[in-house]
Amino acid sequence: MTGEGDSTRSVPIDPSLVAILCCPETRQPVSLLDAASLERLNQKIASGALQNKGGHEVNDPLDGGFIRSDHAVVYPIRDSIPIMLIEEGISTDGIL
């Protein structure tokens, strides 16, 4: 990871982990979120304009994310840990 305020942090994720992860809601495959999409999400978070599927405001910038294959939901990565919980998913509608 880079500096605290950097919204385009790099998170090392083992490719074998990516291969076995899936969306907990739909079971669709997920892939790592690209840097440009991560930047857009973190800008929305910084502006206070982003909620997760549980209805809670997302306050902390993401270190990375896994995006569902239909590109509708991102699951955050925080402190190098994927948060693969349905309620923590972030809808990408109108963002990405």
Protein backbone atom coordinates (compact mmCIF):
# COMPACT_ATOMS: atom_id res chain seq x y z
CA MET A 1 0.00 0.00 0.00
CA THR A 2 1.01 3.57 -0.47
CA GLY A 3 0.44 6.61 1.73
CA GLU A 4 -2.55 7.11 4.04
CA GLY A 5 -4.25 9.73 1.87
CA ASP A 6 -3.63 7.99 -1.45
CA SER A 7 -6.92 6.86 -2.99
CA THR A 8 -5.25 4.52 -5.48
CA ARG A 9 -3.60 2.12 -3.08
CA SER A 10 -2.13 -1.09 -4.41
CA VAL A 11 -3.11 -4.28 -2.63
CA PRO A 12 -1.18 -7.48 -3.33
CA ILE A 13 -3.71 -10.29 -3.78
CA ASP A 14 -2.71 -13.86 -4.54
CA PRO A 15 -4.14 -14.84 -7.97
CA SER A 16 -5.18 -18.23 -6.56
CA LEU A 17 -7.43 -16.38 -4.08
CA VAL A 18 -9.06 -14.37 -6.87
CA ALA A 19 -9.74 -17.60 -8.76
CA ILE A 20 -11.80 -19.09 -5.92
CA LEU A 21 -13.71 -16.00 -4.75
CA CYS A 22 -17.24 -15.30 -5.89
CA CYS A 23 -20.05 -12.91 -5.05
CA PRO A 24 -21.75 -14.15 -1.85
CA GLU A 25 -25.13 -13.00 -3.15
CA THR A 26 -25.24 -14.28 -6.74
CA ARG A 27 -22.20 -16.61 -6.88
CA GLN A 28 -20.91 -14.71 -9.94
CA PRO A 29 -17.13 -14.62 -10.36
CA VAL A 30 -15.29 -11.52 -9.17
CA SER A 31 -12.10 -9.85 -10.39
CA LEU A 32 -9.83 -7.17 -9.01
CA LEU A 33 -11.07 -3.63 -9.48
CA ASP A 34 -8.88 -1.54 -11.80
CA ALA A 35 -7.09 1.58 -10.52
CA ALA A 36 -9.30 4.07 -12.40
CA SER A 37 -12.49 2.54 -10.98
CA LEU A 38 -10.97 2.45 -7.50
CA GLU A 39 -10.14 6.16 -7.82
CA ARG A 40 -13.75 6.99 -8.83
CA LEU A 41 -15.17 5.03 -5.90
CA ASN A 42 -12.78 6.67 -3.45
CA GLN A 43 -13.75 10.11 -4.79
CA LYS A 44 -17.42 9.28 -4.09
CA ILE A 45 -16.48 8.06 -0.61
CA ALA A 46 -14.53 11.28 0.08
CA SER A 47 -17.56 13.35 -0.93
CA GLY A 48 -19.79 11.39 1.47
CA ALA A 49 -21.99 10.19 -1.37
CA LEU A 50 -21.63 6.42 -1.12
CA GLN A 51 -23.58 3.80 0.83
CA ASN A 52 -23.10 0.05 1.00
CA LYS A 53 -25.85 -2.49 0.38
CA GLY A 54 -26.52 -2.55 4.13
CA GLY A 55 -27.55 1.12 3.90
CA HIS A 56 -24.56 2.49 5.82
CA GLU A 57 -22.43 5.37 4.57
CA VAL A 58 -18.98 4.26 3.42
CA ASN A 59 -16.51 6.57 5.20
CA ASP A 60 -13.10 4.99 4.72
CA PRO A 61 -11.34 4.86 1.34
CA LEU A 62 -10.93 1.42 -0.18
CA ASP A 63 -7.50 -0.17 -0.49
CA GLY A 64 -8.87 -2.15 -3.43
CA GLY A 65 -11.95 -4.08 -4.38
CA PHE A 66 -13.40 -7.09 -6.11
CA ILE A 67 -15.95 -6.29 -8.80
CA ARG A 68 -18.69 -8.76 -9.67
CA SER A 69 -18.66 -10.05 -13.26
CA ASP A 70 -21.80 -8.05 -14.12
CA HIS A 71 -20.00 -4.92 -12.82
CA ALA A 72 -22.95 -4.07 -10.55
CA VAL A 73 -21.29 -4.52 -7.14
CA VAL A 74 -17.84 -3.99 -5.64
CA TYR A 75 -16.69 -5.77 -2.48
CA PRO A 76 -14.11 -3.71 -0.58
CA ILE A 77 -10.58 -4.69 0.35
CA ARG A 78 -9.45 -3.10 3.62
CA ASP A 79 -6.06 -3.67 5.24
CA SER A 80 -5.39 -6.34 2.56
CA ILE A 81 -8.51 -8.28 3.64
CA PRO A 82 -11.37 -8.85 1.17
CA ILE A 83 -14.72 -8.05 2.80
CA MET A 84 -16.99 -10.49 0.98
CA LEU A 85 -20.22 -9.80 2.89
CA ILE A 86 -23.44 -8.97 1.02
CA GLU A 87 -24.19 -5.94 3.21
CA GLU A 88 -20.68 -4.54 2.64
CA GLY A 89 -21.07 -4.63 -1.15
CA ILE A 90 -21.14 -1.26 -2.90
CA SER A 91 -23.46 -0.73 -5.84
CA THR A 92 -21.68 0.74 -8.85
CA ASP A 93 -24.86 2.07 -10.47
CA GLY A 94 -24.07 5.48 -11.96
CA ILE A 95 -20.47 5.41 -10.71
CA LEU A 96 -18.57 2.98 -12.94
